[in-house]
C-alpha atoms as a PDB file:
ATOM      1  CA  UNK A   1      26.410  19.275  29.222  1.00  0.00           C
ATOM      2  CA  UNK A   2      25.406  19.982  25.333  1.00  0.00           C
ATOM      3  CA  UNK A   3      29.038  20.915  23.907  1.00  0.00           C
ATOM      4  CA  UNK A   4      28.984  23.844  21.041  1.00  0.00           C
ATOM      5  CA  UNK A   5      28.397  22.944  17.906  1.00  0.00           C
ATOM      6  CA  UNK A   6      29.388  24.699  14.259  1.00  0.00           C
ATOM      7  CA  UNK A   7      28.265  22.314  10.873  1.00  0.00           C
ATOM      8  CA  UNK A   8      29.962  23.534   8.044  1.00  0.00           C
ATOM      9  CA  UNK A   9      28.285  24.674   4.403  1.00  0.00           C
ATOM     10  CA  UNK A  10      28.371  20.807   3.713  1.00  0.00           C
ATOM     11  CA  UNK A  11      26.648  19.548   5.964  1.00  0.00           C
ATOM     12  CA  UNK A  12      24.291  21.495   6.404  1.00  0.00           C
ATOM     13  CA  UNK A  13      23.141  21.011   3.193  1.00  0.00           C
ATOM     14  CA  UNK A  14      22.963  17.083   4.099  1.00  0.00           C
ATOM     15  CA  UNK A  15      21.130  17.380   6.532  1.00  0.00           C
ATOM     16  CA  UNK A  16      18.692  19.523   4.873  1.00  0.00           C
ATOM     17  CA  UNK A  17      18.674  16.712   2.034  1.00  0.00           C
ATOM     18  CA  UNK A  18      18.228  13.756   5.049  1.00  0.00           C
ATOM     19  CA  UNK A  19      16.237  15.384   6.440  1.00  0.00           C
ATOM     20  CA  UNK A  20      18.324  15.222  10.294  1.00  0.00           C
ATOM     21  CA  UNK A  21      17.731  16.681  12.978  1.00  0.00           C
ATOM     22  CA  UNK A  22      20.340  19.184  15.105  1.00  0.00           C
ATOM     23  CA  UNK A  23      19.004  17.342  17.834  1.00  0.00           C
ATOM     24  CA  UNK A  24      20.052  14.901  16.341  1.00  0.00           C
ATOM     25  CA  UNK A  25      23.001  15.896  16.148  1.00  0.00           C
ATOM     26  CA  UNK A  26      23.760  16.692  19.862  1.00  0.00           C
ATOM     27  CA  UNK A  27      23.094  13.625  21.217  1.00  0.00           C
ATOM     28  CA  UNK A  28      24.524  11.775  19.146  1.00  0.00           C
ATOM     29  CA  UNK A  29      27.722  13.419  20.327  1.00  0.00           C
ATOM     30  CA  UNK A  30      25.987  13.423  24.262  1.00  0.00           C
ATOM     31  CA  UNK A  31      25.856   9.952  24.113  1.00  0.00           C
ATOM     32  CA  UNK A  32      27.091   7.883  21.624  1.00  0.00           C
ATOM     33  CA  UNK A  33      26.585   4.997  20.928  1.00  0.00           C
ATOM     34  CA  UNK A  34      30.217   4.552  19.385  1.00  0.00           C
ATOM     35  CA  UNK A  35      33.171   6.701  18.818  1.00  0.00           C
ATOM     36  CA  UNK A  36      34.704   6.047  15.932  1.00  0.00           C
ATOM     37  CA  UNK A  37      38.295   7.067  14.987  1.00  0.00           C
ATOM     38  CA  UNK A  38      38.203   8.007  11.492  1.00  0.00           C
ATOM     39  CA  UNK A  39      40.958   6.212   9.420  1.00  0.00           C
ATOM     40  CA  UNK A  40      42.617   8.575   7.204  1.00  0.00           C
ATOM     41  CA  UNK A  41      42.624  12.428   9.373  1.00  0.00           C
ATOM     42  CA  UNK A  42      43.519  12.192  13.188  1.00  0.00           C
ATOM     43  CA  UNK A  43      41.369  15.232  13.679  1.00  0.00           C
ATOM     44  CA  UNK A  44      38.041  13.405  12.328  1.00  0.00           C
ATOM     45  CA  UNK A  45      35.404  11.633  14.909  1.00  0.00           C
ATOM     46  CA  UNK A  46      32.496   9.883  14.384  1.00  0.00           C
ATOM     47  CA  UNK A  47      29.981   9.254  16.107  1.00  0.00           C
ATOM     48  CA  UNK A  48      27.254   6.803  15.869  1.00  0.00           C
ATOM     49  CA  UNK A  49      23.751   7.323  17.660  1.00  0.00           C
ATOM     50  CA  UNK A  50      20.358   5.064  17.438  1.00  0.00           C
ATOM     51  CA  UNK A  51      17.360   7.984  16.221  1.00  0.00           C
ATOM     52  CA  UNK A  52      14.015   6.872  18.090  1.00  0.00           C
ATOM     53  CA  UNK A  53      12.570   8.781  15.706  1.00  0.00           C
ATOM     54  CA  UNK A  54      13.963   6.663  13.143  1.00  0.00           C
ATOM     55  CA  UNK A  55      13.146   3.792  13.558  1.00  0.00           C
ATOM     56  CA  UNK A  56      17.134   3.042  15.415  1.00  0.00           C
ATOM     57  CA  UNK A  57      18.667   3.425  12.434  1.00  0.00           C
ATOM     58  CA  UNK A  58      22.107   4.807  12.767  1.00  0.00           C
ATOM     59  CA  UNK A  59      23.015   7.579  13.175  1.00  0.00           C
ATOM     60  CA  UNK A  60      26.623   9.409  11.921  1.00  0.00           C
ATOM     61  CA  UNK A  61      28.362  12.271  12.650  1.00  0.00           C
ATOM     62  CA  UNK A  62      32.231  13.283  11.665  1.00  0.00           C
ATOM     63  CA  UNK A  63      33.400  16.273  13.253  1.00  0.00           C
ATOM     64  CA  UNK A  64      36.359  17.206  13.899  1.00  0.00           C
ATOM     65  CA  UNK A  65      37.959  17.434  16.982  1.00  0.00           C
ATOM     66  CA  UNK A  66      40.184  19.972  16.748  1.00  0.00           C
ATOM     67  CA  UNK A  67      38.571  23.746  16.846  1.00  0.00           C
ATOM     68  CA  UNK A  68      35.854  24.907  18.769  1.00  0.00           C
ATOM     69  CA  UNK A  69      33.171  25.189  18.766  1.00  0.00           C
ATOM     70  CA  UNK A  70      32.951  21.279  17.123  1.00  0.00           C
ATOM     71  CA  UNK A  71      32.802  21.227  12.968  1.00  0.00           C
ATOM     72  CA  UNK A  72      29.998  18.965  12.197  1.00  0.00           C
ATOM     73  CA  UNK A  73      31.713  17.892   8.666  1.00  0.00           C
ATOM     74  CA  UNK A  74      28.552  15.754   8.682  1.00  0.00           C
ATOM     75  CA  UNK A  75      26.098  13.580   8.866  1.00  0.00           C
ATOM     76  CA  UNK A  76      24.096  10.838   6.978  1.00  0.00           C
ATOM     77  CA  UNK A  77      21.905   7.971   8.506  1.00  0.00           C
ATOM     78  CA  UNK A  78      24.101   4.782   8.355  1.00  0.00           C
ATOM     79  CA  UNK A  79      22.921   0.879   7.291  1.00  0.00           C
ATOM     80  CA  UNK A  80      26.099  -0.877   6.844  1.00  0.00           C
ATOM     81  CA  UNK A  81      26.241  -1.233  10.804  1.00  0.00           C
ATOM     82  CA  UNK A  82      24.755  -2.506  13.149  1.00  0.00           C
ATOM     83  CA  UNK A  83      25.010  -1.563  17.113  1.00  0.00           C
ATOM     84  CA  UNK A  84      24.721  -4.391  19.822  1.00  0.00           C
END
């Protein structure tokens, strides 16, 4: 099941700069390795996903789940986090 999503202008620019594919964001949303609540904003959710095409670097996708379609706020490779 693929949920509908929309990239904010900020997320679109960051994904281009960081060479993050929208397919990876979809995979992160569909099959997250971990889900975290945002520490400051209850409307935001973080999902973590190891990207095989990037040597399993952990992609962090932050999105607003209170809007439809969900809005991707930003996405980046989080080299500080490790997944089991």
